[in-house]
PDB file of N, CA and C in Angstrom:
ATOM      1  N   MET A   1     -24.718 -17.951  18.518  1.00  0.00           N
ATOM      2  CA  MET A   1     -24.159 -16.739  18.864  1.00  0.00           C
ATOM      3  C   MET A   1     -24.834 -15.813  17.943  1.00  0.00           C
ATOM      4  N   PRO A   2     -25.253 -14.473  18.376  1.00  0.00           N
ATOM      5  CA  PRO A   2     -25.820 -13.605  17.509  1.00  0.00           C
ATOM      6  C   PRO A   2     -24.745 -12.913  16.626  1.00  0.00           C
ATOM      7  N   SER A   3     -25.276 -12.481  15.522  1.00  0.00           N
ATOM      8  CA  SER A   3     -24.459 -12.034  14.354  1.00  0.00           C
ATOM      9  C   SER A   3     -23.622 -10.849  14.760  1.00  0.00           C
ATOM     10  N   PHE A   4     -23.976  -9.936  15.825  1.00  0.00           N
ATOM     11  CA  PHE A   4     -23.240  -8.923  16.277  1.00  0.00           C
ATOM     12  C   PHE A   4     -22.159  -9.140  17.245  1.00  0.00           C
ATOM     13  N   VAL A   5     -21.953 -10.337  17.573  1.00  0.00           N
ATOM     14  CA  VAL A   5     -20.791 -10.861  18.444  1.00  0.00           C
ATOM     15  C   VAL A   5     -19.876 -11.784  17.613  1.00  0.00           C
ATOM     16  N   VAL A   6     -18.599 -11.535  17.719  1.00  0.00           N
ATOM     17  CA  VAL A   6     -17.740 -12.308  17.002  1.00  0.00           C
ATOM     18  C   VAL A   6     -16.448 -12.593  17.968  1.00  0.00           C
ATOM     19  N   HIS A   7     -15.797 -13.589  17.826  1.00  0.00           N
ATOM     20  CA  HIS A   7     -14.529 -13.928  18.310  1.00  0.00           C
ATOM     21  C   HIS A   7     -13.393 -13.671  17.421  1.00  0.00           C
ATOM     22  N   GLU A   8     -12.363 -13.182  18.018  1.00  0.00           N
ATOM     23  CA  GLU A   8     -11.237 -12.911  17.003  1.00  0.00           C
ATOM     24  C   GLU A   8     -10.719 -14.062  16.195  1.00  0.00           C
ATOM     25  N   SER A   9     -10.665 -15.141  16.909  1.00  0.00           N
ATOM     26  CA  SER A   9     -10.155 -16.349  16.347  1.00  0.00           C
ATOM     27  C   SER A   9     -11.034 -16.921  15.193  1.00  0.00           C
ATOM     28  N   ASP A  10     -12.333 -16.418  15.113  1.00  0.00           N
ATOM     29  CA  ASP A  10     -13.325 -16.957  14.129  1.00  0.00           C
ATOM     30  C   ASP A  10     -13.079 -15.968  12.794  1.00  0.00           C
ATOM     31  N   VAL A  11     -12.405 -14.800  12.932  1.00  0.00           N
ATOM     32  CA  VAL A  11     -12.414 -13.758  11.910  1.00  0.00           C
ATOM     33  C   VAL A  11     -11.131 -14.126  11.111  1.00  0.00           C
ATOM     34  N   PRO A  12     -11.231 -14.257   9.748  1.00  0.00           N
ATOM     35  CA  PRO A  12     -10.035 -14.457   8.976  1.00  0.00           C
ATOM     36  C   PRO A  12      -8.859 -13.447   9.110  1.00  0.00           C
ATOM     37  N   GLU A  13      -7.632 -13.942   9.159  1.00  0.00           N
ATOM     38  CA  GLU A  13      -6.569 -12.936   9.189  1.00  0.00           C
ATOM     39  C   GLU A  13      -6.036 -12.717   7.711  1.00  0.00           C
ATOM     40  N   ASP A  14      -5.947 -11.485   7.398  1.00  0.00           N
ATOM     41  CA  ASP A  14      -5.679 -11.357   5.980  1.00  0.00           C
ATOM     42  C   ASP A  14      -4.301 -10.465   5.909  1.00  0.00           C
ATOM     43  N   GLU A  15      -3.439 -10.545   4.958  1.00  0.00           N
ATOM     44  CA  GLU A  15      -2.240  -9.846   4.841  1.00  0.00           C
ATOM     45  C   GLU A  15      -2.621  -8.418   4.056  1.00  0.00           C
ATOM     46  N   GLY A  16      -2.157  -7.334   4.639  1.00  0.00           N
ATOM     47  CA  GLY A  16      -2.464  -6.065   4.194  1.00  0.00           C
ATOM     48  C   GLY A  16      -1.486  -5.766   3.007  1.00  0.00           C
ATOM     49  N   ARG A  17      -2.130  -5.127   1.917  1.00  0.00           N
ATOM     50  CA  ARG A  17      -1.224  -4.665   0.805  1.00  0.00           C
ATOM     51  C   ARG A  17      -1.987  -3.474   0.178  1.00  0.00           C
ATOM     52  N   TYR A  18      -1.298  -2.580  -0.393  1.00  0.00           N
ATOM     53  CA  TYR A  18      -1.939  -1.490  -1.127  1.00  0.00           C
ATOM     54  C   TYR A  18      -2.246  -2.021  -2.591  1.00  0.00           C
ATOM     55  N   PRO A  19      -3.132  -1.331  -3.186  1.00  0.00           N
ATOM     56  CA  PRO A  19      -3.551  -1.856  -4.680  1.00  0.00           C
ATOM     57  C   PRO A  19      -2.246  -1.506  -5.590  1.00  0.00           C
ATOM     58  N   PRO A  20      -2.204  -2.137  -6.786  1.00  0.00           N
ATOM     59  CA  PRO A  20      -1.086  -1.599  -7.596  1.00  0.00           C
ATOM     60  C   PRO A  20      -1.151  -0.161  -7.928  1.00  0.00           C
ATOM     61  N   PRO A  21      -0.085   0.531  -8.176  1.00  0.00           N
ATOM     62  CA  PRO A  21       1.262  -0.102  -8.381  1.00  0.00           C
ATOM     63  C   PRO A  21       2.074  -0.100  -6.939  1.00  0.00           C
ATOM     64  N   PHE A  22       1.403   0.067  -5.829  1.00  0.00           N
ATOM     65  CA  PHE A  22       2.060   0.150  -4.665  1.00  0.00           C
ATOM     66  C   PHE A  22       2.013  -1.293  -3.846  1.00  0.00           C
ATOM     67  N   ASP A  23       1.708  -2.279  -4.500  1.00  0.00           N
ATOM     68  CA  ASP A  23       1.386  -3.590  -3.887  1.00  0.00           C
ATOM     69  C   ASP A  23       2.640  -4.473  -3.610  1.00  0.00           C
ATOM     70  N   ALA A  24       3.876  -4.004  -3.995  1.00  0.00           N
ATOM     71  CA  ALA A  24       5.123  -4.822  -3.708  1.00  0.00           C
ATOM     72  C   ALA A  24       5.436  -4.891  -2.390  1.00  0.00           C
ATOM     73  N   GLU A  25       4.900  -3.832  -1.455  1.00  0.00           N
ATOM     74  CA  GLU A  25       5.350  -3.956  -0.072  1.00  0.00           C
ATOM     75  C   GLU A  25       4.210  -4.685   0.809  1.00  0.00           C
ATOM     76  N   PRO A  26       4.581  -5.848   1.408  1.00  0.00           N
ATOM     77  CA  PRO A  26       3.646  -6.413   2.222  1.00  0.00           C
ATOM     78  C   PRO A  26       3.478  -5.602   3.672  1.00  0.00           C
ATOM     79  N   LEU A  27       2.321  -5.490   4.287  1.00  0.00           N
ATOM     80  CA  LEU A  27       2.155  -4.685   5.406  1.00  0.00           C
ATOM     81  C   LEU A  27       1.914  -5.551   6.517  1.00  0.00           C
ATOM     82  N   THR A  28       0.920  -5.383   7.504  1.00  0.00           N
ATOM     83  CA  THR A  28       0.474  -6.067   8.492  1.00  0.00           C
ATOM     84  C   THR A  28      -0.427  -7.162   8.187  1.00  0.00           C
ATOM     85  N   TRP A  29      -0.612  -8.100   9.161  1.00  0.00           N
ATOM     86  CA  TRP A  29      -1.703  -9.047   9.057  1.00  0.00           C
ATOM     87  C   TRP A  29      -2.756  -8.665   9.936  1.00  0.00           C
ATOM     88  N   GLY A  30      -4.140  -8.667   9.459  1.00  0.00           N
ATOM     89  CA  GLY A  30      -5.000  -8.142  10.327  1.00  0.00           C
ATOM     90  C   GLY A  30      -6.362  -8.837  10.263  1.00  0.00           C
ATOM     91  N   ARG A  31      -7.269  -8.676  11.179  1.00  0.00           N
ATOM     92  CA  ARG A  31      -8.631  -9.312  11.403  1.00  0.00           C
ATOM     93  C   ARG A  31      -9.559  -8.004  11.511  1.00  0.00           C
ATOM     94  N   ASP A  32     -10.403  -7.809  10.549  1.00  0.00           N
ATOM     95  CA  ASP A  32     -11.490  -6.790  10.504  1.00  0.00           C
ATOM     96  C   ASP A  32     -12.738  -7.203  11.476  1.00  0.00           C
ATOM     97  N   LEU A  33     -12.488  -6.909  12.721  1.00  0.00           N
ATOM     98  CA  LEU A  33     -13.471  -7.375  13.825  1.00  0.00           C
ATOM     99  C   LEU A  33     -14.723  -6.606  13.660  1.00  0.00           C
ATOM    100  N   GLY A  34     -14.626  -5.307  13.251  1.00  0.00           N
ATOM    101  CA  GLY A  34     -15.802  -4.550  13.168  1.00  0.00           C
ATOM    102  C   GLY A  34     -16.817  -4.804  11.982  1.00  0.00           C
ATOM    103  N   ARG A  35     -16.177  -4.978  10.854  1.00  0.00           N
ATOM    104  CA  ARG A  35     -17.049  -5.461   9.730  1.00  0.00           C
ATOM    105  C   ARG A  35     -17.523  -6.872   9.996  1.00  0.00           C
ATOM    106  N   ALA A  36     -16.824  -7.695  10.608  1.00  0.00           N
ATOM    107  CA  ALA A  36     -17.391  -9.121  10.972  1.00  0.00           C
ATOM    108  C   ALA A  36     -18.495  -9.078  11.869  1.00  0.00           C
ATOM    109  N   ALA A  37     -18.581  -8.104  12.825  1.00  0.00           N
ATOM    110  CA  ALA A  37     -19.636  -8.007  13.790  1.00  0.00           C
ATOM    111  C   ALA A  37     -20.756  -7.120  13.168  1.00  0.00           C
ATOM    112  N   GLY A  38     -20.539  -6.543  11.914  1.00  0.00           N
ATOM    113  CA  GLY A  38     -21.701  -5.856  11.365  1.00  0.00           C
ATOM    114  C   GLY A  38     -21.478  -4.379  11.482  1.00  0.00           C
ATOM    115  N   SER A  39     -20.399  -3.753  12.136  1.00  0.00           N
ATOM    116  CA  SER A  39     -20.357  -2.407  12.210  1.00  0.00           C
ATOM    117  C   SER A  39     -20.337  -1.576  10.902  1.00  0.00           C
ATOM    118  N   GLN A  40     -20.943  -0.561  10.859  1.00  0.00           N
ATOM    119  CA  GLN A  40     -21.004   0.190   9.574  1.00  0.00           C
ATOM    120  C   GLN A  40     -20.409   1.605   9.574  1.00  0.00           C
ATOM    121  N   SER A  41     -19.987   2.144  10.930  1.00  0.00           N
ATOM    122  CA  SER A  41     -19.333   3.428  10.850  1.00  0.00           C
ATOM    123  C   SER A  41     -18.012   3.548  11.575  1.00  0.00           C
ATOM    124  N   ILE A  42     -17.870   2.332  12.448  1.00  0.00           N
ATOM    125  CA  ILE A  42     -16.613   2.392  13.198  1.00  0.00           C
ATOM    126  C   ILE A  42     -15.747   1.266  12.923  1.00  0.00           C
ATOM    127  N   GLY A  43     -14.616   1.400  12.543  1.00  0.00           N
ATOM    128  CA  GLY A  43     -13.673   0.208  12.148  1.00  0.00           C
ATOM    129  C   GLY A  43     -13.139  -0.299  13.346  1.00  0.00           C
ATOM    130  N   ALA A  44     -12.883  -1.530  13.547  1.00  0.00           N
ATOM    131  CA  ALA A  44     -12.156  -2.122  14.736  1.00  0.00           C
ATOM    132  C   ALA A  44     -11.279  -3.372  14.153  1.00  0.00           C
ATOM    133  N   TRP A  45     -10.011  -3.158  14.012  1.00  0.00           N
ATOM    134  CA  TRP A  45      -9.114  -4.039  13.653  1.00  0.00           C
ATOM    135  C   TRP A  45      -8.126  -4.617  14.576  1.00  0.00           C
ATOM    136  N   VAL A  46      -7.841  -5.808  14.575  1.00  0.00           N
ATOM    137  CA  VAL A  46      -6.561  -6.379  15.326  1.00  0.00           C
ATOM    138  C   VAL A  46      -5.470  -6.574  14.159  1.00  0.00           C
ATOM    139  N   GLU A  47      -4.365  -5.979  14.364  1.00  0.00           N
ATOM    140  CA  GLU A  47      -3.271  -6.047  13.496  1.00  0.00           C
ATOM    141  C   GLU A  47      -2.103  -6.718  13.998  1.00  0.00           C
ATOM    142  N   ARG A  48      -1.401  -7.567  13.307  1.00  0.00           N
ATOM    143  CA  ARG A  48      -0.212  -8.223  13.802  1.00  0.00           C
ATOM    144  C   ARG A  48       0.971  -7.593  12.922  1.00  0.00           C
ATOM    145  N   LEU A  49       1.913  -7.050  13.418  1.00  0.00           N
ATOM    146  CA  LEU A  49       3.021  -6.141  12.642  1.00  0.00           C
ATOM    147  C   LEU A  49       4.278  -7.053  12.821  1.00  0.00           C
ATOM    148  N   PRO A  50       4.600  -7.839  11.824  1.00  0.00           N
ATOM    149  CA  PRO A  50       5.706  -8.688  11.880  1.00  0.00           C
ATOM    150  C   PRO A  50       7.028  -7.753  11.737  1.00  0.00           C
ATOM    151  N   ALA A  51       8.040  -8.194  12.218  1.00  0.00           N
ATOM    152  CA  ALA A  51       9.214  -7.361  12.231  1.00  0.00           C
ATOM    153  C   ALA A  51       9.748  -6.935  10.759  1.00  0.00           C
ATOM    154  N   GLY A  52      10.128  -5.715  10.661  1.00  0.00           N
ATOM    155  CA  GLY A  52      10.498  -5.312   9.302  1.00  0.00           C
ATOM    156  C   GLY A  52       9.483  -4.728   8.366  1.00  0.00           C
ATOM    157  N   ARG A  53       8.145  -4.909   8.877  1.00  0.00           N
ATOM    158  CA  ARG A  53       7.095  -4.282   8.141  1.00  0.00           C
ATOM    159  C   ARG A  53       6.475  -3.076   8.674  1.00  0.00           C
ATOM    160  N   ARG A  54       5.528  -2.293   8.113  1.00  0.00           N
ATOM    161  CA  ARG A  54       4.971  -1.249   8.739  1.00  0.00           C
ATOM    162  C   ARG A  54       3.413  -1.405   8.433  1.00  0.00           C
ATOM    163  N   THR A  55       2.545  -0.618   9.221  1.00  0.00           N
ATOM    164  CA  THR A  55       1.207  -0.586   9.186  1.00  0.00           C
ATOM    165  C   THR A  55       0.715  -0.062   7.917  1.00  0.00           C
ATOM    166  N   SER A  56       1.336   0.901   7.254  1.00  0.00           N
ATOM    167  CA  SER A  56       0.857   1.571   6.157  1.00  0.00           C
ATOM    168  C   SER A  56       1.835   2.520   5.741  1.00  0.00           C
ATOM    169  N   ARG A  57       1.522   3.110   4.625  1.00  0.00           N
ATOM    170  CA  ARG A  57       2.342   4.319   4.164  1.00  0.00           C
ATOM    171  C   ARG A  57       1.984   5.445   5.088  1.00  0.00           C
ATOM    172  N   THR A  58       2.831   6.347   5.193  1.00  0.00           N
ATOM    173  CA  THR A  58       2.673   7.567   6.141  1.00  0.00           C
ATOM    174  C   THR A  58       1.443   8.334   5.585  1.00  0.00           C
ATOM    175  N   HIS A  59       0.494   8.575   6.323  1.00  0.00           N
ATOM    176  CA  HIS A  59      -0.824   9.262   5.924  1.00  0.00           C
ATOM    177  C   HIS A  59      -1.444   9.973   7.146  1.00  0.00           C
ATOM    178  N   ALA A  60      -2.390  10.812   6.742  1.00  0.00           N
ATOM    179  CA  ALA A  60      -3.229  11.582   7.734  1.00  0.00           C
ATOM    180  C   ALA A  60      -4.538  11.358   7.405  1.00  0.00           C
ATOM    181  N   HIS A  61      -5.557  11.609   8.227  1.00  0.00           N
ATOM    182  CA  HIS A  61      -7.142  11.552   7.894  1.00  0.00           C
ATOM    183  C   HIS A  61      -7.708  12.863   7.967  1.00  0.00           C
ATOM    184  N   LEU A  62      -8.538  13.095   7.030  1.00  0.00           N
ATOM    185  CA  LEU A  62      -9.456  14.303   7.016  1.00  0.00           C
ATOM    186  C   LEU A  62     -10.601  14.095   7.751  1.00  0.00           C
ATOM    187  N   ARG A  63     -11.361  12.978   7.623  1.00  0.00           N
ATOM    188  CA  ARG A  63     -12.724  12.833   8.409  1.00  0.00           C
ATOM    189  C   ARG A  63     -12.878  11.743   9.427  1.00  0.00           C
ATOM    190  N   GLU A  64     -11.776  10.859   9.505  1.00  0.00           N
ATOM    191  CA  GLU A  64     -11.977   9.757  10.535  1.00  0.00           C
ATOM    192  C   GLU A  64     -10.781   9.917  11.321  1.00  0.00           C
ATOM    193  N   GLU A  65     -11.112   9.453  12.659  1.00  0.00           N
ATOM    194  CA  GLU A  65     -10.160   9.432  13.682  1.00  0.00           C
ATOM    195  C   GLU A  65      -9.685   7.935  13.691  1.00  0.00           C
ATOM    196  N   GLU A  66      -8.327   7.895  14.026  1.00  0.00           N
ATOM    197  CA  GLU A  66      -7.622   6.695  14.164  1.00  0.00           C
ATOM    198  C   GLU A  66      -7.217   6.352  15.480  1.00  0.00           C
ATOM    199  N   LEU A  67      -7.431   5.208  16.118  1.00  0.00           N
ATOM    200  CA  LEU A  67      -6.989   4.881  17.529  1.00  0.00           C
ATOM    201  C   LEU A  67      -6.116   3.658  17.418  1.00  0.00           C
ATOM    202  N   VAL A  68      -5.037   3.613  18.270  1.00  0.00           N
ATOM    203  CA  VAL A  68      -4.076   2.359  18.182  1.00  0.00           C
ATOM    204  C   VAL A  68      -3.864   2.028  19.705  1.00  0.00           C
ATOM    205  N   TYR A  69      -4.057   0.854  19.968  1.00  0.00           N
ATOM    206  CA  TYR A  69      -3.601   0.269  21.377  1.00  0.00           C
ATOM    207  C   TYR A  69      -2.654  -0.828  21.195  1.00  0.00           C
ATOM    208  N   VAL A  70      -1.484  -0.761  21.845  1.00  0.00           N
ATOM    209  CA  VAL A  70      -0.613  -1.779  21.709  1.00  0.00           C
ATOM    210  C   VAL A  70      -0.799  -2.943  22.594  1.00  0.00           C
ATOM    211  N   ILE A  71      -1.063  -4.067  22.210  1.00  0.00           N
ATOM    212  CA  ILE A  71      -1.297  -5.325  23.050  1.00  0.00           C
ATOM    213  C   ILE A  71       0.083  -5.937  23.446  1.00  0.00           C
ATOM    214  N   ALA A  72       0.961  -5.947  22.494  1.00  0.00           N
ATOM    215  CA  ALA A  72       2.198  -6.666  22.725  1.00  0.00           C
ATOM    216  C   ALA A  72       3.203  -6.180  21.827  1.00  0.00           C
ATOM    217  N   GLY A  73       4.416  -6.292  22.213  1.00  0.00           N
ATOM    218  CA  GLY A  73       5.647  -6.010  21.337  1.00  0.00           C
ATOM    219  C   GLY A  73       6.016  -4.566  21.648  1.00  0.00           C
ATOM    220  N   ASN A  74       7.112  -4.124  20.704  1.00  0.00           N
ATOM    221  CA  ASN A  74       7.642  -2.743  20.703  1.00  0.00           C
ATOM    222  C   ASN A  74       7.856  -2.171  19.475  1.00  0.00           C
ATOM    223  N   PRO A  75       6.600  -1.802  18.910  1.00  0.00           N
ATOM    224  CA  PRO A  75       6.632  -1.059  17.497  1.00  0.00           C
ATOM    225  C   PRO A  75       7.186   0.292  17.856  1.00  0.00           C
ATOM    226  N   VAL A  76       7.399   0.902  16.641  1.00  0.00           N
ATOM    227  CA  VAL A  76       7.939   2.444  16.592  1.00  0.00           C
ATOM    228  C   VAL A  76       6.752   3.259  15.834  1.00  0.00           C
ATOM    229  N   LEU A  77       6.493   4.269  16.629  1.00  0.00           N
ATOM    230  CA  LEU A  77       5.455   5.236  16.098  1.00  0.00           C
ATOM    231  C   LEU A  77       6.133   6.270  15.366  1.00  0.00           C
ATOM    232  N   HIS A  78       5.926   6.532  13.956  1.00  0.00           N
ATOM    233  CA  HIS A  78       6.614   7.536  13.107  1.00  0.00           C
ATOM    234  C   HIS A  78       5.514   8.635  12.763  1.00  0.00           C
ATOM    235  N   TRP A  79       5.684   9.886  12.964  1.00  0.00           N
ATOM    236  CA  TRP A  79       4.748  10.882  12.700  1.00  0.00           C
ATOM    237  C   TRP A  79       5.475  12.240  12.179  1.00  0.00           C
ATOM    238  N   ILE A  80       4.666  12.964  11.504  1.00  0.00           N
ATOM    239  CA  ILE A  80       5.114  14.260  10.883  1.00  0.00           C
ATOM    240  C   ILE A  80       3.865  15.128  11.334  1.00  0.00           C
ATOM    241  N   GLU A  81       4.159  16.189  12.237  1.00  0.00           N
ATOM    242  CA  GLU A  81       3.122  17.231  12.385  1.00  0.00           C
ATOM    243  C   GLU A  81       3.240  18.376  11.248  1.00  0.00           C
ATOM    244  N   PRO A  82       2.191  18.934  10.982  1.00  0.00           N
ATOM    245  CA  PRO A  82       2.351  19.988   9.734  1.00  0.00           C
ATOM    246  C   PRO A  82       3.400  20.984  10.167  1.00  0.00           C
ATOM    247  N   GLY A  83       4.294  21.237   9.206  1.00  0.00           N
ATOM    248  CA  GLY A  83       5.276  22.169   9.471  1.00  0.00           C
ATOM    249  C   GLY A  83       6.387  21.898  10.303  1.00  0.00           C
ATOM    250  N   SER A  84       6.453  20.591  10.702  1.00  0.00           N
ATOM    251  CA  SER A  84       7.382  20.089  11.686  1.00  0.00           C
ATOM    252  C   SER A  84       8.364  18.965  10.897  1.00  0.00           C
ATOM    253  N   ALA A  85       9.425  18.610  11.425  1.00  0.00           N
ATOM    254  CA  ALA A  85      10.353  17.495  11.151  1.00  0.00           C
ATOM    255  C   ALA A  85       9.767  16.127  11.467  1.00  0.00           C
ATOM    256  N   ALA A  86      10.008  15.010  10.839  1.00  0.00           N
ATOM    257  CA  ALA A  86       9.683  13.780  11.153  1.00  0.00           C
ATOM    258  C   ALA A  86      10.241  13.468  12.443  1.00  0.00           C
ATOM    259  N   GLN A  87       9.186  12.652  13.275  1.00  0.00           N
ATOM    260  CA  GLN A  87       9.692  12.317  14.637  1.00  0.00           C
ATOM    261  C   GLN A  87       9.420  10.684  14.786  1.00  0.00           C
ATOM    262  N   GLU A  88      10.049  10.134  15.726  1.00  0.00           N
ATOM    263  CA  GLU A  88       9.648   8.845  16.001  1.00  0.00           C
ATOM    264  C   GLU A  88       9.662   8.450  17.529  1.00  0.00           C
ATOM    265  N   MET A  89       9.125   7.520  18.103  1.00  0.00           N
ATOM    266  CA  MET A  89       8.880   7.163  19.396  1.00  0.00           C
ATOM    267  C   MET A  89       8.605   5.638  19.502  1.00  0.00           C
ATOM    268  N   PRO A  90       9.468   4.963  20.422  1.00  0.00           N
ATOM    269  CA  PRO A  90       9.193   3.488  20.570  1.00  0.00           C
ATOM    270  C   PRO A  90       7.844   3.460  21.527  1.00  0.00           C
ATOM    271  N   LEU A  91       7.026   2.469  21.034  1.00  0.00           N
ATOM    272  CA  LEU A  91       5.855   2.189  21.934  1.00  0.00           C
ATOM    273  C   LEU A  91       6.118   0.730  22.555  1.00  0.00           C
ATOM    274  N   ARG A  92       5.239   0.554  23.537  1.00  0.00           N
ATOM    275  CA  ARG A  92       5.253  -0.925  24.193  1.00  0.00           C
ATOM    276  C   ARG A  92       3.763  -1.187  24.673  1.00  0.00           C
ATOM    277  N   ALA A  93       3.694  -2.444  25.019  1.00  0.00           N
ATOM    278  CA  ALA A  93       2.301  -2.775  25.479  1.00  0.00           C
ATOM    279  C   ALA A  93       1.684  -1.968  26.423  1.00  0.00           C
ATOM    280  N   GLY A  94       0.408  -1.548  26.270  1.00  0.00           N
ATOM    281  CA  GLY A  94      -0.227  -0.612  27.038  1.00  0.00           C
ATOM    282  C   GLY A  94      -0.400   0.837  26.399  1.00  0.00           C
ATOM    283  N   HIS A  95       0.548   1.187  25.440  1.00  0.00           N
ATOM    284  CA  HIS A  95       0.432   2.493  24.901  1.00  0.00           C
ATOM    285  C   HIS A  95      -0.847   2.695  24.007  1.00  0.00           C
ATOM    286  N   PHE A  96      -1.485   3.730  24.102  1.00  0.00           N
ATOM    287  CA  PHE A  96      -2.732   4.232  23.375  1.00  0.00           C
ATOM    288  C   PHE A  96      -2.411   5.418  22.760  1.00  0.00           C
ATOM    289  N   VAL A  97      -2.655   5.441  21.387  1.00  0.00           N
ATOM    290  CA  VAL A  97      -2.316   6.633  20.520  1.00  0.00           C
ATOM    291  C   VAL A  97      -3.619   6.991  19.941  1.00  0.00           C
ATOM    292  N   SER A  98      -3.945   8.305  19.746  1.00  0.00           N
ATOM    293  CA  SER A  98      -5.117   8.845  19.129  1.00  0.00           C
ATOM    294  C   SER A  98      -4.654   9.851  18.064  1.00  0.00           C
ATOM    295  N   PHE A  99      -5.218   9.700  16.711  1.00  0.00           N
ATOM    296  CA  PHE A  99      -5.043  10.589  15.657  1.00  0.00           C
ATOM    297  C   PHE A  99      -6.266  11.111  15.410  1.00  0.00           C
ATOM    298  N   PRO A 100      -6.653  12.304  15.989  1.00  0.00           N
ATOM    299  CA  PRO A 100      -7.961  12.932  15.675  1.00  0.00           C
ATOM    300  C   PRO A 100      -7.957  13.446  14.091  1.00  0.00           C
ATOM    301  N   ALA A 101      -9.260  13.437  13.691  1.00  0.00           N
ATOM    302  CA  ALA A 101      -9.420  13.786  12.165  1.00  0.00           C
ATOM    303  C   ALA A 101      -8.965  15.325  12.034  1.00  0.00           C
ATOM    304  N   ALA A 102      -8.474  15.532  10.906  1.00  0.00           N
ATOM    305  CA  ALA A 102      -8.334  16.925  10.401  1.00  0.00           C
ATOM    306  C   ALA A 102      -7.227  17.684  11.152  1.00  0.00           C
ATOM    307  N   THR A 103      -6.269  16.835  11.878  1.00  0.00           N
ATOM    308  CA  THR A 103      -5.144  17.564  12.363  1.00  0.00           C
ATOM    309  C   THR A 103      -3.951  17.499  11.403  1.00  0.00           C
ATOM    310  N   GLY A 104      -3.996  16.770  10.387  1.00  0.00           N
ATOM    311  CA  GLY A 104      -2.725  16.836   9.458  1.00  0.00           C
ATOM    312  C   GLY A 104      -1.600  15.957   9.984  1.00  0.00           C
ATOM    313  N   ILE A 105      -1.740  15.548  11.064  1.00  0.00           N
ATOM    314  CA  ILE A 105      -0.613  14.621  11.751  1.00  0.00           C
ATOM    315  C   ILE A 105      -0.598  13.274  10.957  1.00  0.00           C
ATOM    316  N   ALA A 106       0.490  13.269  10.007  1.00  0.00           N
ATOM    317  CA  ALA A 106       0.849  12.027   9.265  1.00  0.00           C
ATOM    318  C   ALA A 106       1.546  10.979  10.060  1.00  0.00           C
ATOM    319  N   HIS A 107       1.192   9.714   9.693  1.00  0.00           N
ATOM    320  CA  HIS A 107       1.887   8.876  10.574  1.00  0.00           C
ATOM    321  C   HIS A 107       1.788   7.288  10.173  1.00  0.00           C
ATOM    322  N   HIS A 108       2.561   6.357  10.599  1.00  0.00           N
ATOM    323  CA  HIS A 108       2.609   5.007  10.470  1.00  0.00           C
ATOM    324  C   HIS A 108       3.397   4.377  11.588  1.00  0.00           C
ATOM    325  N   ILE A 109       3.170   3.064  11.539  1.00  0.00           N
ATOM    326  CA  ILE A 109       3.834   2.392  12.812  1.00  0.00           C
ATOM    327  C   ILE A 109       4.714   1.224  12.264  1.00  0.00           C
ATOM    328  N   ALA A 110       5.899   1.124  12.579  1.00  0.00           N
ATOM    329  CA  ALA A 110       6.899   0.047  12.103  1.00  0.00           C
ATOM    330  C   ALA A 110       7.369  -0.690  13.282  1.00  0.00           C
TER     331      ALA A 110
END
């Protein structure tokens, strides 16, 4: 198989955690498919979100876009638009979410 082709099952699944002092909270389990296939500028992850966890701390991106596609389950999207109150929305398989760069929309999924 060429090095630029990978299968999800061949990519190790790692538990996500922030570095100290924020490392007490376990996050998702994920496979970095993009890096495994040699991608240098586009990230591609498959994440498994166990009940009671979240993908990350609430954050926004200045220079990179983030895309989320729900394959299975019913996670909840949490977001805050600049100058607005926090909001949430249940997601289900088939939902696609885009967070364009420099919008200031802070978000996480739980």
